[in-house]
Amino acid sequence: MAFSRSGLSRIGGSGDANAVWVYSSTEAPATVAGSGFFNDASAELTVGDVVLIVDTDAPAVTVSFVISNSAGVVDLASGTAVGNV
């Protein structure tokens, strides 16, 4: 599957602060955090924005952030899984 705009929602951030986003899909978090996955949202995402990746199949959440956004190519950090301990 590819990026779906309907899965991306801004949930926080204002003023000079970076934004916080949630992206929900059936995609594996490693796929979503891969370079270029969010290219279609490059105008909205900025370096330092936090992205919560929700895998609706698992369910699982991975916390990541935008490490680069240049010439329309968005790259996220690999992220950290948050689980039930």
PDB file of N, CA and C in Angstrom:
ATOM      1  N   MET A   1       0.832  -1.183   0.000  1.00  0.00           N
ATOM      2  CA  MET A   1       0.000   0.000   0.000  1.00  0.00           C
ATOM      3  C   MET A   1       0.875   1.244   0.000  1.00  0.00           C
ATOM      4  N   ALA A   2       0.307   2.330  -0.429  1.00  0.00           N
ATOM      5  CA  ALA A   2       1.022   3.596  -0.464  1.00  0.00           C
ATOM      6  C   ALA A   2       0.420   4.548   0.569  1.00  0.00           C
ATOM      7  N   PHE A   3       1.079   5.682   0.723  1.00  0.00           N
ATOM      8  CA  PHE A   3       0.601   6.727   1.616  1.00  0.00           C
ATOM      9  C   PHE A   3      -0.840   7.086   1.288  1.00  0.00           C
ATOM     10  N   SER A   4      -1.661   7.237   2.331  1.00  0.00           N
ATOM     11  CA  SER A   4      -3.043   7.666   2.180  1.00  0.00           C
ATOM     12  C   SER A   4      -3.239   8.925   3.009  1.00  0.00           C
ATOM     13  N   ARG A   5      -3.551  10.024   2.364  1.00  0.00           N
ATOM     14  CA  ARG A   5      -3.716  11.302   3.046  1.00  0.00           C
ATOM     15  C   ARG A   5      -4.739  11.217   4.167  1.00  0.00           C
ATOM     16  N   SER A   6      -5.756  10.381   3.996  1.00  0.00           N
ATOM     17  CA  SER A   6      -6.803  10.272   5.014  1.00  0.00           C
ATOM     18  C   SER A   6      -6.291   9.644   6.313  1.00  0.00           C
ATOM     19  N   GLY A   7      -5.129   8.984   6.279  1.00  0.00           N
ATOM     20  CA  GLY A   7      -4.567   8.375   7.475  1.00  0.00           C
ATOM     21  C   GLY A   7      -3.729   9.322   8.316  1.00  0.00           C
ATOM     22  N   LEU A   8      -3.410  10.509   7.782  1.00  0.00           N
ATOM     23  CA  LEU A   8      -2.536  11.459   8.465  1.00  0.00           C
ATOM     24  C   LEU A   8      -3.346  12.596   9.083  1.00  0.00           C
ATOM     25  N   SER A   9      -3.187  12.781  10.399  1.00  0.00           N
ATOM     26  CA  SER A   9      -3.908  13.850  11.104  1.00  0.00           C
ATOM     27  C   SER A   9      -2.951  14.591  12.024  1.00  0.00           C
ATOM     28  N   ARG A  10      -3.022  15.916  11.982  1.00  0.00           N
ATOM     29  CA  ARG A  10      -2.248  16.731  12.919  1.00  0.00           C
ATOM     30  C   ARG A  10      -3.001  16.740  14.239  1.00  0.00           C
ATOM     31  N   ILE A  11      -2.286  16.420  15.323  1.00  0.00           N
ATOM     32  CA  ILE A  11      -2.948  16.362  16.618  1.00  0.00           C
ATOM     33  C   ILE A  11      -2.376  17.357  17.618  1.00  0.00           C
ATOM     34  N   GLY A  12      -1.356  18.123  17.226  1.00  0.00           N
ATOM     35  CA  GLY A  12      -0.802  19.096  18.153  1.00  0.00           C
ATOM     36  C   GLY A  12       0.273  19.948  17.538  1.00  0.00           C
ATOM     37  N   GLY A  13       0.666  20.960  18.300  1.00  0.00           N
ATOM     38  CA  GLY A  13       1.706  21.878  17.862  1.00  0.00           C
ATOM     39  C   GLY A  13       1.119  23.185  17.386  1.00  0.00           C
ATOM     40  N   SER A  14       1.727  24.286  17.836  1.00  0.00           N
ATOM     41  CA  SER A  14       1.283  25.604  17.400  1.00  0.00           C
ATOM     42  C   SER A  14       2.423  26.588  17.584  1.00  0.00           C
ATOM     43  N   GLY A  15       2.288  27.740  16.991  1.00  0.00           N
ATOM     44  CA  GLY A  15       3.330  28.760  17.109  1.00  0.00           C
ATOM     45  C   GLY A  15       4.636  28.268  16.531  1.00  0.00           C
ATOM     46  N   ASP A  16       5.720  28.458  17.286  1.00  0.00           N
ATOM     47  CA  ASP A  16       7.044  28.039  16.826  1.00  0.00           C
ATOM     48  C   ASP A  16       7.345  26.570  17.108  1.00  0.00           C
ATOM     49  N   ALA A  17       6.428  25.879  17.793  1.00  0.00           N
ATOM     50  CA  ALA A  17       6.656  24.471  18.143  1.00  0.00           C
ATOM     51  C   ALA A  17       6.459  23.575  16.933  1.00  0.00           C
ATOM     52  N   ASN A  18       7.161  22.456  16.951  1.00  0.00           N
ATOM     53  CA  ASN A  18       6.933  21.461  15.916  1.00  0.00           C
ATOM     54  C   ASN A  18       5.565  20.826  16.113  1.00  0.00           C
ATOM     55  N   ALA A  19       5.056  20.245  15.052  1.00  0.00           N
ATOM     56  CA  ALA A  19       3.741  19.609  15.105  1.00  0.00           C
ATOM     57  C   ALA A  19       3.866  18.153  15.546  1.00  0.00           C
ATOM     58  N   VAL A  20       2.759  17.624  16.021  1.00  0.00           N
ATOM     59  CA  VAL A  20       2.634  16.206  16.333  1.00  0.00           C
ATOM     60  C   VAL A  20       1.554  15.653  15.419  1.00  0.00           C
ATOM     61  N   TRP A  21       1.875  14.546  14.759  1.00  0.00           N
ATOM     62  CA  TRP A  21       0.979  13.918  13.793  1.00  0.00           C
ATOM     63  C   TRP A  21       0.717  12.479  14.196  1.00  0.00           C
ATOM     64  N   VAL A  22      -0.414  11.946  13.764  1.00  0.00           N
ATOM     65  CA  VAL A  22      -0.678  10.518  13.881  1.00  0.00           C
ATOM     66  C   VAL A  22      -0.979  10.008  12.476  1.00  0.00           C
ATOM     67  N   TYR A  23      -0.381   8.860  12.147  1.00  0.00           N
ATOM     68  CA  TYR A  23      -0.660   8.215  10.867  1.00  0.00           C
ATOM     69  C   TYR A  23      -1.134   6.799  11.158  1.00  0.00           C
ATOM     70  N   SER A  24      -2.345   6.486  10.743  1.00  0.00           N
ATOM     71  CA  SER A  24      -2.937   5.168  10.976  1.00  0.00           C
ATOM     72  C   SER A  24      -3.132   4.438   9.657  1.00  0.00           C
ATOM     73  N   SER A  25      -2.679   3.195   9.626  1.00  0.00           N
ATOM     74  CA  SER A  25      -2.884   2.352   8.446  1.00  0.00           C
ATOM     75  C   SER A  25      -2.572   0.903   8.800  1.00  0.00           C
ATOM     76  N   THR A  26      -2.765   0.032   7.853  1.00  0.00           N
ATOM     77  CA  THR A  26      -2.429  -1.374   8.036  1.00  0.00           C
ATOM     78  C   THR A  26      -0.976  -1.651   7.665  1.00  0.00           C
ATOM     79  N   GLU A  27      -0.259  -0.620   7.224  1.00  0.00           N
ATOM     80  CA  GLU A  27       1.153  -0.764   6.851  1.00  0.00           C
ATOM     81  C   GLU A  27       2.011  -1.059   8.075  1.00  0.00           C
ATOM     82  N   ALA A  28       3.069  -1.820   7.876  1.00  0.00           N
ATOM     83  CA  ALA A  28       4.040  -2.052   8.943  1.00  0.00           C
ATOM     84  C   ALA A  28       4.755  -0.740   9.246  1.00  0.00           C
ATOM     85  N   PRO A  29       5.045  -0.453  10.507  1.00  0.00           N
ATOM     86  CA  PRO A  29       5.729   0.793  10.865  1.00  0.00           C
ATOM     87  C   PRO A  29       7.046   0.996  10.111  1.00  0.00           C
ATOM     88  N   ALA A  30       7.795  -0.068   9.856  1.00  0.00           N
ATOM     89  CA  ALA A  30       9.055   0.073   9.123  1.00  0.00           C
ATOM     90  C   ALA A  30       8.821   0.583   7.706  1.00  0.00           C
ATOM     91  N   THR A  31       7.720   0.203   7.099  1.00  0.00           N
ATOM     92  CA  THR A  31       7.373   0.696   5.759  1.00  0.00           C
ATOM     93  C   THR A  31       7.004   2.164   5.814  1.00  0.00           C
ATOM     94  N   VAL A  32       6.194   2.532   6.787  1.00  0.00           N
ATOM     95  CA  VAL A  32       5.748   3.918   6.929  1.00  0.00           C
ATOM     96  C   VAL A  32       6.922   4.848   7.245  1.00  0.00           C
ATOM     97  N   ALA A  33       7.861   4.387   8.048  1.00  0.00           N
ATOM     98  CA  ALA A  33       9.013   5.214   8.421  1.00  0.00           C
ATOM     99  C   ALA A  33      10.071   5.258   7.321  1.00  0.00           C
ATOM    100  N   GLY A  34       9.890   4.502   6.270  1.00  0.00           N
ATOM    101  CA  GLY A  34      10.873   4.465   5.187  1.00  0.00           C
ATOM    102  C   GLY A  34      10.959   5.776   4.431  1.00  0.00           C
ATOM    103  N   SER A  35      12.125   6.049   3.908  1.00  0.00           N
ATOM    104  CA  SER A  35      12.353   7.278   3.148  1.00  0.00           C
ATOM    105  C   SER A  35      11.394   7.352   1.966  1.00  0.00           C
ATOM    106  N   GLY A  36      10.734   8.484   1.839  1.00  0.00           N
ATOM    107  CA  GLY A  36       9.856   8.728   0.705  1.00  0.00           C
ATOM    108  C   GLY A  36       8.397   8.372   0.924  1.00  0.00           C
ATOM    109  N   PHE A  37       8.065   7.655   1.997  1.00  0.00           N
ATOM    110  CA  PHE A  37       6.673   7.252   2.204  1.00  0.00           C
ATOM    111  C   PHE A  37       5.755   8.471   2.309  1.00  0.00           C
ATOM    112  N   PHE A  38       6.217   9.525   2.980  1.00  0.00           N
ATOM    113  CA  PHE A  38       5.391  10.712   3.206  1.00  0.00           C
ATOM    114  C   PHE A  38       5.633  11.829   2.188  1.00  0.00           C
ATOM    115  N   ASN A  39       6.193  11.517   1.045  1.00  0.00           N
ATOM    116  CA  ASN A  39       6.485  12.560   0.050  1.00  0.00           C
ATOM    117  C   ASN A  39       5.255  13.383  -0.325  1.00  0.00           C
ATOM    118  N   ASP A  40       4.097  12.748  -0.404  1.00  0.00           N
ATOM    119  CA  ASP A  40       2.876  13.478  -0.771  1.00  0.00           C
ATOM    120  C   ASP A  40       2.423  14.456   0.317  1.00  0.00           C
ATOM    121  N   ALA A  41       3.026  14.385   1.505  1.00  0.00           N
ATOM    122  CA  ALA A  41       2.711  15.318   2.596  1.00  0.00           C
ATOM    123  C   ALA A  41       3.902  16.219   2.902  1.00  0.00           C
ATOM    124  N   SER A  42       4.833  16.325   1.972  1.00  0.00           N
ATOM    125  CA  SER A  42       6.060  17.092   2.233  1.00  0.00           C
ATOM    126  C   SER A  42       5.792  18.572   2.513  1.00  0.00           C
ATOM    127  N   ALA A  43       4.720  19.127   1.980  1.00  0.00           N
ATOM    128  CA  ALA A  43       4.401  20.536   2.224  1.00  0.00           C
ATOM    129  C   ALA A  43       3.924  20.766   3.659  1.00  0.00           C
ATOM    130  N   GLU A  44       3.472  19.715   4.330  1.00  0.00           N
ATOM    131  CA  GLU A  44       2.941  19.847   5.689  1.00  0.00           C
ATOM    132  C   GLU A  44       3.937  19.454   6.768  1.00  0.00           C
ATOM    133  N   LEU A  45       4.787  18.496   6.483  1.00  0.00           N
ATOM    134  CA  LEU A  45       5.718  17.975   7.486  1.00  0.00           C
ATOM    135  C   LEU A  45       7.022  18.758   7.488  1.00  0.00           C
ATOM    136  N   THR A  46       7.518  19.076   8.674  1.00  0.00           N
ATOM    137  CA  THR A  46       8.787  19.783   8.791  1.00  0.00           C
ATOM    138  C   THR A  46       9.746  18.979   9.668  1.00  0.00           C
ATOM    139  N   VAL A  47      11.019  19.240   9.498  1.00  0.00           N
ATOM    140  CA  VAL A  47      12.037  18.544  10.278  1.00  0.00           C
ATOM    141  C   VAL A  47      11.764  18.764  11.773  1.00  0.00           C
ATOM    142  N   GLY A  48      11.768  17.686  12.513  1.00  0.00           N
ATOM    143  CA  GLY A  48      11.497  17.742  13.943  1.00  0.00           C
ATOM    144  C   GLY A  48      10.070  17.412  14.319  1.00  0.00           C
ATOM    145  N   ASP A  49       9.153  17.399  13.349  1.00  0.00           N
ATOM    146  CA  ASP A  49       7.781  17.004  13.656  1.00  0.00           C
ATOM    147  C   ASP A  49       7.764  15.566  14.162  1.00  0.00           C
ATOM    148  N   VAL A  50       6.956  15.309  15.175  1.00  0.00           N
ATOM    149  CA  VAL A  50       6.792  13.973  15.728  1.00  0.00           C
ATOM    150  C   VAL A  50       5.654  13.271  14.982  1.00  0.00           C
ATOM    151  N   VAL A  51       5.869  12.001  14.653  1.00  0.00           N
ATOM    152  CA  VAL A  51       4.845  11.216  13.959  1.00  0.00           C
ATOM    153  C   VAL A  51       4.593   9.938  14.759  1.00  0.00           C
ATOM    154  N   LEU A  52       3.361   9.755  15.199  1.00  0.00           N
ATOM    155  CA  LEU A  52       2.946   8.522  15.847  1.00  0.00           C
ATOM    156  C   LEU A  52       2.391   7.612  14.755  1.00  0.00           C
ATOM    157  N   ILE A  53       3.024   6.485  14.552  1.00  0.00           N
ATOM    158  CA  ILE A  53       2.613   5.550  13.505  1.00  0.00           C
ATOM    159  C   ILE A  53       1.794   4.444  14.157  1.00  0.00           C
ATOM    160  N   VAL A  54       0.518   4.354  13.775  1.00  0.00           N
ATOM    161  CA  VAL A  54      -0.374   3.360  14.344  1.00  0.00           C
ATOM    162  C   VAL A  54      -0.623   2.275  13.307  1.00  0.00           C
ATOM    163  N   ASP A  55      -0.196   1.057  13.629  1.00  0.00           N
ATOM    164  CA  ASP A  55      -0.456  -0.102  12.780  1.00  0.00           C
ATOM    165  C   ASP A  55      -1.772  -0.695  13.253  1.00  0.00           C
ATOM    166  N   THR A  56      -2.826  -0.501  12.482  1.00  0.00           N
ATOM    167  CA  THR A  56      -4.156  -0.920  12.904  1.00  0.00           C
ATOM    168  C   THR A  56      -4.346  -2.428  12.855  1.00  0.00           C
ATOM    169  N   ASP A  57      -3.434  -3.153  12.217  1.00  0.00           N
ATOM    170  CA  ASP A  57      -3.506  -4.613  12.192  1.00  0.00           C
ATOM    171  C   ASP A  57      -2.988  -5.228  13.483  1.00  0.00           C
ATOM    172  N   ALA A  58      -2.052  -4.565  14.172  1.00  0.00           N
ATOM    173  CA  ALA A  58      -1.345  -5.176  15.290  1.00  0.00           C
ATOM    174  C   ALA A  58      -2.150  -5.234  16.582  1.00  0.00           C
ATOM    175  N   PRO A  59      -2.749  -4.264  17.173  1.00  0.00           N
ATOM    176  CA  PRO A  59      -2.441  -2.846  17.050  1.00  0.00           C
ATOM    177  C   PRO A  59      -1.136  -2.508  17.774  1.00  0.00           C
ATOM    178  N   ALA A  60      -0.405  -1.592  17.200  1.00  0.00           N
ATOM    179  CA  ALA A  60       0.873  -1.177  17.758  1.00  0.00           C
ATOM    180  C   ALA A  60       1.121   0.278  17.390  1.00  0.00           C
ATOM    181  N   VAL A  61       1.930   0.951  18.213  1.00  0.00           N
ATOM    182  CA  VAL A  61       2.278   2.350  17.958  1.00  0.00           C
ATOM    183  C   VAL A  61       3.787   2.478  17.954  1.00  0.00           C
ATOM    184  N   THR A  62       4.296   3.205  16.974  1.00  0.00           N
ATOM    185  CA  THR A  62       5.721   3.525  16.884  1.00  0.00           C
ATOM    186  C   THR A  62       5.856   5.037  16.883  1.00  0.00           C
ATOM    187  N   VAL A  63       6.770   5.551  17.696  1.00  0.00           N
ATOM    188  CA  VAL A  63       7.019   6.987  17.763  1.00  0.00           C
ATOM    189  C   VAL A  63       8.229   7.296  16.894  1.00  0.00           C
ATOM    190  N   SER A  64       8.067   8.235  15.975  1.00  0.00           N
ATOM    191  CA  SER A  64       9.148   8.618  15.074  1.00  0.00           C
ATOM    192  C   SER A  64       9.147  10.138  14.928  1.00  0.00           C
ATOM    193  N   PHE A  65      10.055  10.644  14.102  1.00  0.00           N
ATOM    194  CA  PHE A  65      10.081  12.073  13.813  1.00  0.00           C
ATOM    195  C   PHE A  65      10.707  12.295  12.443  1.00  0.00           C
ATOM    196  N   VAL A  66      10.426  13.449  11.861  1.00  0.00           N
ATOM    197  CA  VAL A  66      10.945  13.794  10.539  1.00  0.00           C
ATOM    198  C   VAL A  66      12.412  14.203  10.688  1.00  0.00           C
ATOM    199  N   ILE A  67      13.312  13.455  10.034  1.00  0.00           N
ATOM    200  CA  ILE A  67      14.735  13.800  10.116  1.00  0.00           C
ATOM    201  C   ILE A  67      15.188  14.623   8.915  1.00  0.00           C
ATOM    202  N   SER A  68      14.443  14.554   7.804  1.00  0.00           N
ATOM    203  CA  SER A  68      14.756  15.427   6.677  1.00  0.00           C
ATOM    204  C   SER A  68      13.534  15.570   5.783  1.00  0.00           C
ATOM    205  N   ASN A  69      13.474  16.725   5.130  1.00  0.00           N
ATOM    206  CA  ASN A  69      12.422  17.019   4.163  1.00  0.00           C
ATOM    207  C   ASN A  69      13.054  17.979   3.168  1.00  0.00           C
ATOM    208  N   SER A  70      13.549  17.419   2.087  1.00  0.00           N
ATOM    209  CA  SER A  70      14.277  18.215   1.103  1.00  0.00           C
ATOM    210  C   SER A  70      13.809  17.875  -0.298  1.00  0.00           C
ATOM    211  N   ALA A  71      13.490  18.896  -1.060  1.00  0.00           N
ATOM    212  CA  ALA A  71      13.042  18.737  -2.449  1.00  0.00           C
ATOM    213  C   ALA A  71      11.876  17.753  -2.549  1.00  0.00           C
ATOM    214  N   GLY A  72      10.990  17.781  -1.555  1.00  0.00           N
ATOM    215  CA  GLY A  72       9.807  16.934  -1.592  1.00  0.00           C
ATOM    216  C   GLY A  72      10.016  15.510  -1.125  1.00  0.00           C
ATOM    217  N   VAL A  73      11.217  15.175  -0.664  1.00  0.00           N
ATOM    218  CA  VAL A  73      11.501  13.827  -0.170  1.00  0.00           C
ATOM    219  C   VAL A  73      11.562  13.870   1.359  1.00  0.00           C
ATOM    220  N   VAL A  74      10.642  13.157   1.986  1.00  0.00           N
ATOM    221  CA  VAL A  74      10.533  13.141   3.441  1.00  0.00           C
ATOM    222  C   VAL A  74      11.147  11.846   3.972  1.00  0.00           C
ATOM    223  N   ASP A  75      11.963  11.969   5.021  1.00  0.00           N
ATOM    224  CA  ASP A  75      12.588  10.814   5.656  1.00  0.00           C
ATOM    225  C   ASP A  75      12.298  10.866   7.148  1.00  0.00           C
ATOM    226  N   LEU A  76      11.788   9.759   7.694  1.00  0.00           N
ATOM    227  CA  LEU A  76      11.522   9.641   9.120  1.00  0.00           C
ATOM    228  C   LEU A  76      12.605   8.796   9.782  1.00  0.00           C
ATOM    229  N   ALA A  77      12.831   9.039  11.069  1.00  0.00           N
ATOM    230  CA  ALA A  77      13.699   8.167  11.855  1.00  0.00           C
ATOM    231  C   ALA A  77      13.037   6.799  11.941  1.00  0.00           C
ATOM    232  N   SER A  78      13.820   5.758  12.197  1.00  0.00           N
ATOM    233  CA  SER A  78      13.262   4.411  12.245  1.00  0.00           C
ATOM    234  C   SER A  78      12.210   4.250  13.335  1.00  0.00           C
ATOM    235  N   GLY A  79      12.300   5.031  14.387  1.00  0.00           N
ATOM    236  CA  GLY A  79      11.267   5.058  15.414  1.00  0.00           C
ATOM    237  C   GLY A  79      11.470   4.055  16.534  1.00  0.00           C
ATOM    238  N   THR A  80      10.648   4.222  17.548  1.00  0.00           N
ATOM    239  CA  THR A  80      10.673   3.367  18.718  1.00  0.00           C
ATOM    240  C   THR A  80       9.273   2.812  18.946  1.00  0.00           C
ATOM    241  N   ALA A  81       9.175   1.500  19.020  1.00  0.00           N
ATOM    242  CA  ALA A  81       7.877   0.874  19.266  1.00  0.00           C
ATOM    243  C   ALA A  81       7.471   1.093  20.700  1.00  0.00           C
ATOM    244  N   VAL A  82       6.195   1.380  20.895  1.00  0.00           N
ATOM    245  CA  VAL A  82       5.629   1.537  22.228  1.00  0.00           C
ATOM    246  C   VAL A  82       4.672   0.356  22.389  1.00  0.00           C
ATOM    247  N   GLY A  83       4.912  -0.453  23.407  1.00  0.00           N
ATOM    248  CA  GLY A  83       4.083  -1.658  23.533  1.00  0.00           C
ATOM    249  C   GLY A  83       3.542  -1.858  24.922  1.00  0.00           C
ATOM    250  N   ASN A  84       2.772  -2.883  25.034  1.00  0.00           N
ATOM    251  CA  ASN A  84       2.187  -3.276  26.298  1.00  0.00           C
ATOM    252  C   ASN A  84       3.187  -4.175  27.014  1.00  0.00           C
ATOM    253  N   VAL A  85       3.691  -3.714  28.133  1.00  0.00           N
ATOM    254  CA  VAL A  85       4.732  -4.455  28.852  1.00  0.00           C
ATOM    255  C   VAL A  85       4.134  -5.426  29.831  1.00  0.00           C
TER     256      VAL A  85
END
